[in-house]
Amino acid sequence: MQNTGTAIKPWYRLCLRCGKRIFSDLLDSEGMCDYCREVKSMKASVSRGRKERKARK
């Protein structure tokens, strides 16, 4: 007889930023999924660009 309850598979982990269950090999060293990593890099590049524009003025 099979277990009818839901079990979290050991190879899935939660993303530390969004909390989504992701296959553990797809998480980076900080524990973030690809989407959160892209969002973080986009925010960093935008803030870097603003600092450069502000410094030019």
N, C-alpha and C. Protein backbone atom coordinates (compact mmCIF):
# COMPACT_ATOMS: atom_id res chain seq x y z
N MET A 1 0.84 -1.18 0.00
CA MET A 1 0.00 0.00 0.00
C MET A 1 0.89 1.25 0.00
N GLN A 2 0.55 2.20 -0.84
CA GLN A 2 1.36 3.40 -0.95
C GLN A 2 0.95 4.46 0.06
N ASN A 3 1.90 5.29 0.41
CA ASN A 3 1.63 6.38 1.33
C ASN A 3 0.84 7.46 0.58
N THR A 4 -0.29 7.89 1.13
CA THR A 4 -1.12 8.88 0.45
C THR A 4 -0.75 10.31 0.84
N GLY A 5 0.06 10.48 1.86
CA GLY A 5 0.47 11.82 2.29
C GLY A 5 1.53 12.39 1.36
N THR A 6 1.64 13.70 1.32
CA THR A 6 2.66 14.32 0.48
C THR A 6 3.97 14.37 1.23
N ALA A 7 5.02 14.08 0.52
CA ALA A 7 6.36 14.09 1.12
C ALA A 7 7.24 15.02 0.30
N ILE A 8 8.04 15.81 0.97
CA ILE A 8 8.99 16.67 0.28
C ILE A 8 10.18 15.80 -0.11
N LYS A 9 10.45 15.78 -1.37
CA LYS A 9 11.54 14.95 -1.85
C LYS A 9 12.87 15.55 -1.41
N PRO A 10 13.81 14.72 -1.03
CA PRO A 10 15.07 15.22 -0.47
C PRO A 10 15.91 16.02 -1.47
N TRP A 11 15.66 15.85 -2.76
CA TRP A 11 16.47 16.57 -3.73
C TRP A 11 15.89 17.94 -4.07
N TYR A 12 14.77 18.32 -3.46
CA TYR A 12 14.20 19.65 -3.62
C TYR A 12 14.49 20.47 -2.37
N ARG A 13 14.81 21.73 -2.58
CA ARG A 13 15.03 22.65 -1.46
C ARG A 13 14.31 23.95 -1.74
N LEU A 14 14.13 24.74 -0.72
CA LEU A 14 13.46 26.03 -0.87
C LEU A 14 14.47 27.12 -1.22
N CYS A 15 14.09 27.99 -2.13
CA CYS A 15 14.90 29.17 -2.43
C CYS A 15 14.86 30.07 -1.21
N LEU A 16 15.99 30.60 -0.81
CA LEU A 16 16.03 31.42 0.40
C LEU A 16 15.35 32.77 0.22
N ARG A 17 15.23 33.23 -1.00
CA ARG A 17 14.61 34.53 -1.23
C ARG A 17 13.11 34.44 -1.48
N CYS A 18 12.68 33.59 -2.41
CA CYS A 18 11.25 33.54 -2.77
C CYS A 18 10.51 32.38 -2.11
N GLY A 19 11.21 31.38 -1.61
CA GLY A 19 10.57 30.27 -0.93
C GLY A 19 10.02 29.19 -1.84
N LYS A 20 10.32 29.27 -3.13
CA LYS A 20 9.83 28.29 -4.10
C LYS A 20 10.66 27.00 -4.00
N ARG A 21 10.00 25.84 -4.15
CA ARG A 21 10.73 24.57 -4.12
C ARG A 21 11.45 24.38 -5.44
N ILE A 22 12.76 24.22 -5.40
CA ILE A 22 13.61 24.12 -6.58
C ILE A 22 14.49 22.89 -6.43
N PHE A 23 14.79 22.24 -7.54
CA PHE A 23 15.74 21.12 -7.53
C PHE A 23 17.07 21.63 -6.98
N SER A 24 17.66 20.93 -6.06
CA SER A 24 18.82 21.43 -5.32
C SER A 24 20.02 21.76 -6.20
N ASP A 25 20.17 21.10 -7.35
CA ASP A 25 21.29 21.41 -8.24
C ASP A 25 21.14 22.76 -8.93
N LEU A 26 19.92 23.30 -8.95
CA LEU A 26 19.68 24.58 -9.63
C LEU A 26 19.85 25.78 -8.71
N LEU A 27 20.08 25.53 -7.43
CA LEU A 27 20.32 26.62 -6.49
C LEU A 27 21.80 26.99 -6.51
N ASP A 28 22.08 28.29 -6.36
CA ASP A 28 23.48 28.71 -6.32
C ASP A 28 24.04 28.53 -4.92
N SER A 29 25.25 28.99 -4.70
CA SER A 29 25.90 28.79 -3.40
C SER A 29 25.21 29.55 -2.28
N GLU A 30 24.47 30.62 -2.62
CA GLU A 30 23.74 31.39 -1.62
C GLU A 30 22.35 30.81 -1.34
N GLY A 31 21.96 29.80 -2.12
CA GLY A 31 20.65 29.18 -1.93
C GLY A 31 19.53 29.86 -2.68
N MET A 32 19.87 30.63 -3.72
CA MET A 32 18.85 31.33 -4.51
C MET A 32 18.63 30.63 -5.84
N CYS A 33 17.39 30.70 -6.33
CA CYS A 33 17.06 30.12 -7.63
C CYS A 33 17.53 31.05 -8.75
N ASP A 34 17.43 30.58 -9.99
CA ASP A 34 17.88 31.36 -11.14
C ASP A 34 17.15 32.68 -11.24
N TYR A 35 15.84 32.66 -11.04
CA TYR A 35 15.05 33.88 -11.17
C TYR A 35 15.48 34.93 -10.16
N CYS A 36 15.62 34.55 -8.91
CA CYS A 36 16.01 35.51 -7.86
C CYS A 36 17.42 36.03 -8.11
N ARG A 37 18.30 35.18 -8.61
CA ARG A 37 19.67 35.59 -8.92
C ARG A 37 19.67 36.64 -10.03
N GLU A 38 18.82 36.44 -11.07
CA GLU A 38 18.72 37.41 -12.17
C GLU A 38 18.16 38.73 -11.68
N VAL A 39 17.14 38.68 -10.83
CA VAL A 39 16.55 39.90 -10.29
C VAL A 39 17.59 40.66 -9.46
N LYS A 40 18.35 39.94 -8.67
CA LYS A 40 19.38 40.55 -7.83
C LYS A 40 20.44 41.22 -8.70
N SER A 41 20.86 40.56 -9.79
CA SER A 41 21.89 41.14 -10.66
C SER A 41 21.34 42.35 -11.41
N MET A 42 20.05 42.31 -11.80
CA MET A 42 19.46 43.46 -12.49
C MET A 42 19.39 44.66 -11.56
N LYS A 43 19.00 44.45 -10.32
CA LYS A 43 18.94 45.54 -9.34
C LYS A 43 20.32 46.13 -9.10
N ALA A 44 21.34 45.27 -9.05
CA ALA A 44 22.70 45.75 -8.81
C ALA A 44 23.19 46.58 -9.99
N SER A 45 22.88 46.16 -11.22
CA SER A 45 23.35 46.92 -12.39
C SER A 45 22.62 48.25 -12.51
N VAL A 46 21.34 48.29 -12.15
CA VAL A 46 20.59 49.55 -12.20
C VAL A 46 21.13 50.53 -11.17
N SER A 47 21.37 50.07 -9.96
CA SER A 47 21.89 50.97 -8.92
C SER A 47 23.30 51.43 -9.25
N ARG A 48 24.09 50.56 -9.88
CA ARG A 48 25.44 50.94 -10.29
C ARG A 48 25.37 52.04 -11.36
N GLY A 49 24.44 51.90 -12.30
CA GLY A 49 24.27 52.90 -13.36
C GLY A 49 23.83 54.24 -12.81
N ARG A 50 22.97 54.23 -11.82
CA ARG A 50 22.51 55.48 -11.21
C ARG A 50 23.64 56.18 -10.47
N LYS A 51 24.49 55.40 -9.80
CA LYS A 51 25.61 55.99 -9.08
C LYS A 51 26.58 56.64 -10.07
N GLU A 52 26.82 55.98 -11.22
CA GLU A 52 27.72 56.53 -12.23
C GLU A 52 27.16 57.82 -12.82
N ARG A 53 25.86 57.85 -13.10
CA ARG A 53 25.25 59.07 -13.65
C ARG A 53 25.31 60.20 -12.64
N LYS A 54 25.07 59.87 -11.38
CA LYS A 54 25.09 60.90 -10.33
C LYS A 54 26.51 61.45 -10.16
N ALA A 55 27.51 60.60 -10.28
CA ALA A 55 28.91 61.01 -10.14
C ALA A 55 29.34 61.92 -11.31
N ARG A 56 28.76 61.71 -12.49
CA ARG A 56 29.11 62.53 -13.65
C ARG A 56 28.60 63.95 -13.52
N LYS A 57 27.49 64.15 -12.83
CA LYS A 57 26.89 65.49 -12.72
C LYS A 57 27.68 66.41 -11.87
